[in-house]
PDB file of all heavy atoms in Angstrom:
ATOM      1  N   MET A   1       4.076  -4.768  -7.394  1.00  0.00           N
ATOM      2  CA  MET A   1       3.999  -5.939  -6.533  1.00  0.00           C
ATOM      3  C   MET A   1       2.794  -6.811  -6.858  1.00  0.00           C
ATOM      4  O   MET A   1       2.863  -8.043  -6.758  1.00  0.00           O
ATOM      5  CB  MET A   1       3.970  -5.519  -5.062  1.00  0.00           C
ATOM      6  CG  MET A   1       5.303  -5.027  -4.553  1.00  0.00           C
ATOM      7  SD  MET A   1       6.658  -6.169  -4.950  1.00  0.00           S
ATOM      8  CE  MET A   1       6.117  -7.641  -4.098  1.00  0.00           C
ATOM      9  N   ALA A   2       1.684  -6.197  -7.244  1.00  0.00           N
ATOM     10  CA  ALA A   2       0.518  -6.981  -7.637  1.00  0.00           C
ATOM     11  C   ALA A   2       0.865  -7.886  -8.808  1.00  0.00           C
ATOM     12  O   ALA A   2       0.487  -9.065  -8.850  1.00  0.00           O
ATOM     13  CB  ALA A   2      -0.644  -6.056  -7.991  1.00  0.00           C
ATOM     14  N   GLU A   3       1.638  -7.354  -9.758  1.00  0.00           N
ATOM     15  CA  GLU A   3       2.070  -8.136 -10.916  1.00  0.00           C
ATOM     16  C   GLU A   3       3.099  -9.188 -10.501  1.00  0.00           C
ATOM     17  O   GLU A   3       3.031 -10.351 -10.932  1.00  0.00           O
ATOM     18  CB  GLU A   3       2.666  -7.196 -11.970  1.00  0.00           C
ATOM     19  CG  GLU A   3       3.260  -7.880 -13.176  1.00  0.00           C
ATOM     20  CD  GLU A   3       2.240  -8.621 -14.020  1.00  0.00           C
ATOM     21  OE1 GLU A   3       1.022  -8.339 -13.908  1.00  0.00           O
ATOM     22  OE2 GLU A   3       2.651  -9.515 -14.786  1.00  0.00           O
ATOM     23  N   ALA A   4       4.065  -8.803  -9.647  1.00  0.00           N
ATOM     24  CA  ALA A   4       5.132  -9.734  -9.246  1.00  0.00           C
ATOM     25  C   ALA A   4       4.567 -10.931  -8.483  1.00  0.00           C
ATOM     26  O   ALA A   4       4.985 -12.080  -8.710  1.00  0.00           O
ATOM     27  CB  ALA A   4       6.169  -9.007  -8.402  1.00  0.00           C
ATOM     28  N   VAL A   5       3.621 -10.694  -7.577  1.00  0.00           N
ATOM     29  CA  VAL A   5       3.069 -11.778  -6.747  1.00  0.00           C
ATOM     30  C   VAL A   5       2.269 -12.769  -7.606  1.00  0.00           C
ATOM     31  O   VAL A   5       2.189 -13.954  -7.291  1.00  0.00           O
ATOM     32  CB  VAL A   5       2.223 -11.202  -5.595  1.00  0.00           C
ATOM     33  CG1 VAL A   5       1.474 -12.299  -4.841  1.00  0.00           C
ATOM     34  CG2 VAL A   5       3.123 -10.435  -4.616  1.00  0.00           C
ATOM     35  N   ARG A   6       1.716 -12.293  -8.718  1.00  0.00           N
ATOM     36  CA  ARG A   6       1.001 -13.193  -9.636  1.00  0.00           C
ATOM     37  C   ARG A   6       1.908 -14.320 -10.112  1.00  0.00           C
ATOM     38  O   ARG A   6       1.445 -15.417 -10.416  1.00  0.00           O
ATOM     39  CB  ARG A   6       0.488 -12.416 -10.852  1.00  0.00           C
ATOM     40  CG  ARG A   6      -0.791 -11.631 -10.620  1.00  0.00           C
ATOM     41  CD  ARG A   6      -1.240 -10.927 -11.887  1.00  0.00           C
ATOM     42  NE  ARG A   6      -1.399 -11.875 -12.985  1.00  0.00           N
ATOM     43  CZ  ARG A   6      -1.188 -11.591 -14.267  1.00  0.00           C
ATOM     44  NH1 ARG A   6      -0.766 -10.393 -14.624  1.00  0.00           N
ATOM     45  NH2 ARG A   6      -1.382 -12.498 -15.197  1.00  0.00           N
ATOM     46  N   HIS A   7       3.207 -14.040 -10.197  1.00  0.00           N
ATOM     47  CA  HIS A   7       4.167 -15.013 -10.724  1.00  0.00           C
ATOM     48  C   HIS A   7       5.041 -15.622  -9.629  1.00  0.00           C
ATOM     49  O   HIS A   7       6.111 -16.166  -9.920  1.00  0.00           O
ATOM     50  CB  HIS A   7       5.037 -14.341 -11.788  1.00  0.00           C
ATOM     51  CG  HIS A   7       4.247 -13.748 -12.915  1.00  0.00           C
ATOM     52  ND1 HIS A   7       3.657 -14.504 -13.895  1.00  0.00           N
ATOM     53  CD2 HIS A   7       3.908 -12.457 -13.181  1.00  0.00           C
ATOM     54  CE1 HIS A   7       3.009 -13.721 -14.732  1.00  0.00           C
ATOM     55  NE2 HIS A   7       3.145 -12.474 -14.325  1.00  0.00           N
ATOM     56  N   ALA A   8       4.605 -15.499  -8.385  1.00  0.00           N
ATOM     57  CA  ALA A   8       5.326 -16.092  -7.248  1.00  0.00           C
ATOM     58  C   ALA A   8       4.334 -16.955  -6.465  1.00  0.00           C
ATOM     59  O   ALA A   8       3.726 -16.502  -5.481  1.00  0.00           O
ATOM     60  CB  ALA A   8       5.915 -14.995  -6.367  1.00  0.00           C
ATOM     61  N   PRO A   9       4.128 -18.193  -6.883  1.00  0.00           N
ATOM     62  CA  PRO A   9       3.011 -19.004  -6.388  1.00  0.00           C
ATOM     63  C   PRO A   9       3.029 -19.333  -4.907  1.00  0.00           C
ATOM     64  O   PRO A   9       1.983 -19.645  -4.334  1.00  0.00           O
ATOM     65  CB  PRO A   9       3.103 -20.282  -7.231  1.00  0.00           C
ATOM     66  CG  PRO A   9       4.502 -20.308  -7.762  1.00  0.00           C
ATOM     67  CD  PRO A   9       4.902 -18.891  -7.922  1.00  0.00           C
ATOM     68  N   HIS A  10       4.190 -19.256  -4.239  1.00  0.00           N
ATOM     69  CA  HIS A  10       4.240 -19.648  -2.827  1.00  0.00           C
ATOM     70  C   HIS A  10       3.968 -18.488  -1.857  1.00  0.00           C
ATOM     71  O   HIS A  10       3.919 -18.688  -0.655  1.00  0.00           O
ATOM     72  CB  HIS A  10       5.589 -20.305  -2.511  1.00  0.00           C
ATOM     73  CG  HIS A  10       5.743 -21.639  -3.181  1.00  0.00           C
ATOM     74  ND1 HIS A  10       6.951 -22.299  -3.263  1.00  0.00           N
ATOM     75  CD2 HIS A  10       4.839 -22.437  -3.811  1.00  0.00           C
ATOM     76  CE1 HIS A  10       6.789 -23.436  -3.912  1.00  0.00           C
ATOM     77  NE2 HIS A  10       5.514 -23.536  -4.253  1.00  0.00           N
ATOM     78  N   VAL A  11       3.828 -17.274  -2.386  1.00  0.00           N
ATOM     79  CA  VAL A  11       3.455 -16.142  -1.518  1.00  0.00           C
ATOM     80  C   VAL A  11       1.984 -16.295  -1.150  1.00  0.00           C
ATOM     81  O   VAL A  11       1.113 -16.287  -2.021  1.00  0.00           O
ATOM     82  CB  VAL A  11       3.690 -14.791  -2.227  1.00  0.00           C
ATOM     83  CG1 VAL A  11       3.154 -13.642  -1.368  1.00  0.00           C
ATOM     84  CG2 VAL A  11       5.174 -14.574  -2.522  1.00  0.00           C
ATOM     85  N   HIS A  12       1.716 -16.430   0.149  1.00  0.00           N
ATOM     86  CA  HIS A  12       0.314 -16.601   0.567  1.00  0.00           C
ATOM     87  C   HIS A  12      -0.269 -15.368   1.253  1.00  0.00           C
ATOM     88  O   HIS A  12      -1.479 -15.242   1.376  1.00  0.00           O
ATOM     89  CB  HIS A  12       0.141 -17.845   1.448  1.00  0.00           C
ATOM     90  CG  HIS A  12       0.947 -17.841   2.721  1.00  0.00           C
ATOM     91  ND1 HIS A  12       0.714 -16.978   3.770  1.00  0.00           N
ATOM     92  CD2 HIS A  12       1.984 -18.630   3.102  1.00  0.00           C
ATOM     93  CE1 HIS A  12       1.564 -17.228   4.742  1.00  0.00           C
ATOM     94  NE2 HIS A  12       2.358 -18.216   4.369  1.00  0.00           N
ATOM     95  N   THR A  13       0.596 -14.447   1.717  1.00  0.00           N
ATOM     96  CA  THR A  13       0.101 -13.252   2.409  1.00  0.00           C
ATOM     97  C   THR A  13       0.885 -12.029   1.976  1.00  0.00           C
ATOM     98  O   THR A  13       2.125 -12.063   1.929  1.00  0.00           O
ATOM     99  CB  THR A  13       0.220 -13.397   3.941  1.00  0.00           C
ATOM    100  OG1 THR A  13      -0.452 -14.588   4.359  1.00  0.00           O
ATOM    101  CG2 THR A  13      -0.391 -12.191   4.656  1.00  0.00           C
ATOM    102  N   VAL A  14       0.169 -10.952   1.657  1.00  0.00           N
ATOM    103  CA  VAL A  14       0.781  -9.660   1.364  1.00  0.00           C
ATOM    104  C   VAL A  14       0.330  -8.669   2.428  1.00  0.00           C
ATOM    105  O   VAL A  14      -0.871  -8.427   2.597  1.00  0.00           O
ATOM    106  CB  VAL A  14       0.384  -9.143  -0.042  1.00  0.00           C
ATOM    107  CG1 VAL A  14       0.949  -7.739  -0.262  1.00  0.00           C
ATOM    108  CG2 VAL A  14       0.868 -10.093  -1.125  1.00  0.00           C
ATOM    109  N   LEU A  15       1.276  -8.124   3.175  1.00  0.00           N
ATOM    110  CA  LEU A  15       0.992  -7.122   4.210  1.00  0.00           C
ATOM    111  C   LEU A  15       1.294  -5.746   3.635  1.00  0.00           C
ATOM    112  O   LEU A  15       2.398  -5.507   3.130  1.00  0.00           O
ATOM    113  CB  LEU A  15       1.858  -7.373   5.445  1.00  0.00           C
ATOM    114  CG  LEU A  15       1.528  -8.638   6.244  1.00  0.00           C
ATOM    115  CD1 LEU A  15       2.765  -9.154   6.955  1.00  0.00           C
ATOM    116  CD2 LEU A  15       0.431  -8.351   7.258  1.00  0.00           C
ATOM    117  N   GLU A  16       0.325  -4.837   3.686  1.00  0.00           N
ATOM    118  CA  GLU A  16       0.487  -3.520   3.064  1.00  0.00           C
ATOM    119  C   GLU A  16       0.716  -2.431   4.111  1.00  0.00           C
ATOM    120  O   GLU A  16      -0.062  -2.289   5.063  1.00  0.00           O
ATOM    121  CB  GLU A  16      -0.748  -3.172   2.239  1.00  0.00           C
ATOM    122  CG  GLU A  16      -0.904  -4.025   1.003  1.00  0.00           C
ATOM    123  CD  GLU A  16      -2.005  -3.541   0.085  1.00  0.00           C
ATOM    124  OE1 GLU A  16      -3.001  -2.977   0.598  1.00  0.00           O
ATOM    125  OE2 GLU A  16      -1.887  -3.721  -1.143  1.00  0.00           O
ATOM    126  N   VAL A  17       1.783  -1.674   3.917  1.00  0.00           N
ATOM    127  CA  VAL A  17       2.112  -0.519   4.751  1.00  0.00           C
ATOM    128  C   VAL A  17       1.532   0.723   4.088  1.00  0.00           C
ATOM    129  O   VAL A  17       1.780   0.973   2.906  1.00  0.00           O
ATOM    130  CB  VAL A  17       3.642  -0.371   4.909  1.00  0.00           C
ATOM    131  CG1 VAL A  17       3.993   0.935   5.608  1.00  0.00           C
ATOM    132  CG2 VAL A  17       4.220  -1.570   5.658  1.00  0.00           C
ATOM    133  N   ASP A  18       0.765   1.506   4.854  1.00  0.00           N
ATOM    134  CA  ASP A  18       0.151   2.728   4.317  1.00  0.00           C
ATOM    135  C   ASP A  18       0.938   3.942   4.811  1.00  0.00           C
ATOM    136  O   ASP A  18       0.973   4.217   6.019  1.00  0.00           O
ATOM    137  CB  ASP A  18      -1.310   2.820   4.764  1.00  0.00           C
ATOM    138  CG  ASP A  18      -2.079   3.898   4.003  1.00  0.00           C
ATOM    139  OD1 ASP A  18      -1.441   4.679   3.268  1.00  0.00           O
ATOM    140  OD2 ASP A  18      -3.317   3.953   4.166  1.00  0.00           O
ATOM    141  N   LEU A  19       1.561   4.658   3.875  1.00  0.00           N
ATOM    142  CA  LEU A  19       2.344   5.842   4.248  1.00  0.00           C
ATOM    143  C   LEU A  19       1.478   7.025   4.659  1.00  0.00           C
ATOM    144  O   LEU A  19       2.009   8.055   5.085  1.00  0.00           O
ATOM    145  CB  LEU A  19       3.250   6.256   3.079  1.00  0.00           C
ATOM    146  CG  LEU A  19       4.350   5.264   2.674  1.00  0.00           C
ATOM    147  CD1 LEU A  19       5.129   5.801   1.474  1.00  0.00           C
ATOM    148  CD2 LEU A  19       5.295   4.975   3.830  1.00  0.00           C
ATOM    149  N   LEU A  20       0.169   6.874   4.558  1.00  0.00           N
ATOM    150  CA  LEU A  20      -0.740   7.977   4.918  1.00  0.00           C
ATOM    151  C   LEU A  20      -0.524   8.445   6.350  1.00  0.00           C
ATOM    152  O   LEU A  20      -0.692   9.630   6.659  1.00  0.00           O
ATOM    153  CB  LEU A  20      -2.195   7.539   4.727  1.00  0.00           C
ATOM    154  CG  LEU A  20      -3.269   8.591   5.017  1.00  0.00           C
ATOM    155  CD1 LEU A  20      -3.153   9.773   4.060  1.00  0.00           C
ATOM    156  CD2 LEU A  20      -4.663   7.976   4.948  1.00  0.00           C
ATOM    157  N   ARG A  21      -0.115   7.535   7.230  1.00  0.00           N
ATOM    158  CA  ARG A  21       0.025   7.918   8.645  1.00  0.00           C
ATOM    159  C   ARG A  21       1.128   8.953   8.862  1.00  0.00           C
ATOM    160  O   ARG A  21       1.160   9.617   9.901  1.00  0.00           O
ATOM    161  CB  ARG A  21       0.256   6.693   9.523  1.00  0.00           C
ATOM    162  CG  ARG A  21       1.652   6.107   9.498  1.00  0.00           C
ATOM    163  CD  ARG A  21       1.744   4.935  10.465  1.00  0.00           C
ATOM    164  NE  ARG A  21       3.098   4.473  10.657  1.00  0.00           N
ATOM    165  CZ  ARG A  21       3.955   4.988  11.529  1.00  0.00           C
ATOM    166  NH1 ARG A  21       3.609   6.029  12.275  1.00  0.00           N
ATOM    167  NH2 ARG A  21       5.171   4.486  11.661  1.00  0.00           N
ATOM    168  N   TYR A  22       2.046   9.082   7.880  1.00  0.00           N
ATOM    169  CA  TYR A  22       3.108  10.084   8.017  1.00  0.00           C
ATOM    170  C   TYR A  22       2.680  11.456   7.502  1.00  0.00           C
ATOM    171  O   TYR A  22       3.417  12.428   7.647  1.00  0.00           O
ATOM    172  CB  TYR A  22       4.356   9.636   7.245  1.00  0.00           C
ATOM    173  CG  TYR A  22       5.028   8.414   7.837  1.00  0.00           C
ATOM    174  CD1 TYR A  22       4.932   7.172   7.219  1.00  0.00           C
ATOM    175  CD2 TYR A  22       5.767   8.507   9.018  1.00  0.00           C
ATOM    176  CE1 TYR A  22       5.550   6.057   7.749  1.00  0.00           C
ATOM    177  CE2 TYR A  22       6.389   7.396   9.556  1.00  0.00           C
ATOM    178  CZ  TYR A  22       6.275   6.169   8.919  1.00  0.00           C
ATOM    179  OH  TYR A  22       6.888   5.065   9.456  1.00  0.00           O
ATOM    180  N   MET A  23       1.502  11.532   6.886  1.00  0.00           N
ATOM    181  CA  MET A  23       1.041  12.798   6.318  1.00  0.00           C
ATOM    182  C   MET A  23       0.378  13.670   7.385  1.00  0.00           C
ATOM    183  O   MET A  23      -0.195  13.160   8.345  1.00  0.00           O
ATOM    184  CB  MET A  23       0.039  12.539   5.185  1.00  0.00           C
ATOM    185  CG  MET A  23       0.633  11.808   4.005  1.00  0.00           C
ATOM    186  SD  MET A  23       1.889  12.816   3.211  1.00  0.00           S
ATOM    187  CE  MET A  23       2.358  11.770   1.854  1.00  0.00           C
ATOM    188  N   THR A  24       0.430  14.972   7.172  1.00  0.00           N
ATOM    189  CA  THR A  24      -0.239  15.916   8.087  1.00  0.00           C
ATOM    190  C   THR A  24      -1.003  16.944   7.250  1.00  0.00           C
ATOM    191  O   THR A  24      -0.789  17.069   6.031  1.00  0.00           O
ATOM    192  CB  THR A  24       0.789  16.652   8.966  1.00  0.00           C
ATOM    193  OG1 THR A  24       1.738  17.324   8.119  1.00  0.00           O
ATOM    194  CG2 THR A  24       1.534  15.689   9.877  1.00  0.00           C
ATOM    195  N   GLY A  25      -1.898  17.651   7.911  1.00  0.00           N
ATOM    196  CA  GLY A  25      -2.588  18.782   7.280  1.00  0.00           C
ATOM    197  C   GLY A  25      -3.374  18.399   6.049  1.00  0.00           C
ATOM    198  O   GLY A  25      -4.003  17.337   5.965  1.00  0.00           O
ATOM    199  N   LEU A  26      -3.312  19.273   5.042  1.00  0.00           N
ATOM    200  CA  LEU A  26      -4.099  19.109   3.822  1.00  0.00           C
ATOM    201  C   LEU A  26      -3.738  17.832   3.076  1.00  0.00           C
ATOM    202  O   LEU A  26      -4.607  17.161   2.501  1.00  0.00           O
ATOM    203  CB  LEU A  26      -3.885  20.336   2.917  1.00  0.00           C
ATOM    204  CG  LEU A  26      -4.853  20.496   1.741  1.00  0.00           C
ATOM    205  CD1 LEU A  26      -6.292  20.578   2.221  1.00  0.00           C
ATOM    206  CD2 LEU A  26      -4.485  21.736   0.933  1.00  0.00           C
ATOM    207  N   LYS A  27      -2.440  17.477   3.074  1.00  0.00           N
ATOM    208  CA  LYS A  27      -2.007  16.277   2.356  1.00  0.00           C
ATOM    209  C   LYS A  27      -2.715  15.037   2.890  1.00  0.00           C
ATOM    210  O   LYS A  27      -3.091  14.143   2.129  1.00  0.00           O
ATOM    211  CB  LYS A  27      -0.491  16.098   2.475  1.00  0.00           C
ATOM    212  CG  LYS A  27       0.320  17.101   1.648  1.00  0.00           C
ATOM    213  CD  LYS A  27       1.796  16.891   1.853  1.00  0.00           C
ATOM    214  CE  LYS A  27       2.601  17.921   1.047  1.00  0.00           C
ATOM    215  NZ  LYS A  27       4.041  17.833   1.312  1.00  0.00           N
ATOM    216  N   LYS A  28      -2.895  14.969   4.193  1.00  0.00           N
ATOM    217  CA  LYS A  28      -3.546  13.796   4.798  1.00  0.00           C
ATOM    218  C   LYS A  28      -4.993  13.680   4.327  1.00  0.00           C
ATOM    219  O   LYS A  28      -5.526  12.585   4.170  1.00  0.00           O
ATOM    220  CB  LYS A  28      -3.487  13.908   6.328  1.00  0.00           C
ATOM    221  CG  LYS A  28      -3.775  12.600   7.060  1.00  0.00           C
ATOM    222  CD  LYS A  28      -3.588  12.757   8.544  1.00  0.00           C
ATOM    223  CE  LYS A  28      -3.672  11.413   9.254  1.00  0.00           C
ATOM    224  NZ  LYS A  28      -2.445  10.630   9.160  1.00  0.00           N
ATOM    225  N   LEU A  29      -5.636  14.830   4.087  1.00  0.00           N
ATOM    226  CA  LEU A  29      -7.030  14.828   3.628  1.00  0.00           C
ATOM    227  C   LEU A  29      -7.130  14.485   2.148  1.00  0.00           C
ATOM    228  O   LEU A  29      -8.089  13.832   1.717  1.00  0.00           O
ATOM    229  CB  LEU A  29      -7.661  16.203   3.879  1.00  0.00           C
ATOM    230  CG  LEU A  29      -7.778  16.639   5.355  1.00  0.00           C
ATOM    231  CD1 LEU A  29      -8.258  18.075   5.439  1.00  0.00           C
ATOM    232  CD2 LEU A  29      -8.730  15.708   6.105  1.00  0.00           C
ATOM    233  N   ILE A  30      -6.145  14.911   1.357  1.00  0.00           N
ATOM    234  CA  ILE A  30      -6.223  14.758  -0.099  1.00  0.00           C
ATOM    235  C   ILE A  30      -5.886  13.339  -0.560  1.00  0.00           C
ATOM    236  O   ILE A  30      -6.522  12.803  -1.476  1.00  0.00           O
ATOM    237  CB  ILE A  30      -5.286  15.776  -0.791  1.00  0.00           C
ATOM    238  CG1 ILE A  30      -5.830  17.193  -0.597  1.00  0.00           C
ATOM    239  CG2 ILE A  30      -5.129  15.474  -2.274  1.00  0.00           C
ATOM    240  CD1 ILE A  30      -4.904  18.273  -1.097  1.00  0.00           C
ATOM    241  N   VAL A  31      -4.888  12.702   0.078  1.00  0.00           N
ATOM    242  CA  VAL A  31      -4.377  11.415  -0.401  1.00  0.00           C
ATOM    243  C   VAL A  31      -5.473  10.371  -0.641  1.00  0.00           C
ATOM    244  O   VAL A  31      -5.489   9.709  -1.684  1.00  0.00           O
ATOM    245  CB  VAL A  31      -3.280  10.862   0.537  1.00  0.00           C
ATOM    246  CG1 VAL A  31      -3.002   9.384   0.260  1.00  0.00           C
ATOM    247  CG2 VAL A  31      -1.999  11.660   0.371  1.00  0.00           C
ATOM    248  N   PRO A  32      -6.443  10.187   0.285  1.00  0.00           N
ATOM    249  CA  PRO A  32      -7.470   9.159   0.032  1.00  0.00           C
ATOM    250  C   PRO A  32      -8.252   9.393  -1.259  1.00  0.00           C
ATOM    251  O   PRO A  32      -8.734   8.433  -1.882  1.00  0.00           O
ATOM    252  CB  PRO A  32      -8.382   9.277   1.259  1.00  0.00           C
ATOM    253  CG  PRO A  32      -7.503   9.831   2.336  1.00  0.00           C
ATOM    254  CD  PRO A  32      -6.585  10.783   1.630  1.00  0.00           C
ATOM    255  N   PHE A  33      -8.354  10.647  -1.697  1.00  0.00           N
ATOM    256  CA  PHE A  33      -9.123  10.948  -2.909  1.00  0.00           C
ATOM    257  C   PHE A  33      -8.300  10.746  -4.190  1.00  0.00           C
ATOM    258  O   PHE A  33      -8.870  10.527  -5.259  1.00  0.00           O
ATOM    259  CB  PHE A  33      -9.648  12.390  -2.851  1.00  0.00           C
ATOM    260  CG  PHE A  33     -10.671  12.607  -1.771  1.00  0.00           C
ATOM    261  CD1 PHE A  33     -10.313  13.194  -0.560  1.00  0.00           C
ATOM    262  CD2 PHE A  33     -11.987  12.201  -1.950  1.00  0.00           C
ATOM    263  CE1 PHE A  33     -11.241  13.379   0.445  1.00  0.00           C
ATOM    264  CE2 PHE A  33     -12.933  12.384  -0.945  1.00  0.00           C
ATOM    265  CZ  PHE A  33     -12.562  12.976   0.256  1.00  0.00           C
TER     266      PHE A  33
END
């Protein structure tokens, strides 16, 4: 998407969904690293 938006000049805002909120336990701790 970072590459695609470079070539779409009228896109002014990109909203990012973080799937981290669905993680639990050890996975939730590891993902940020």
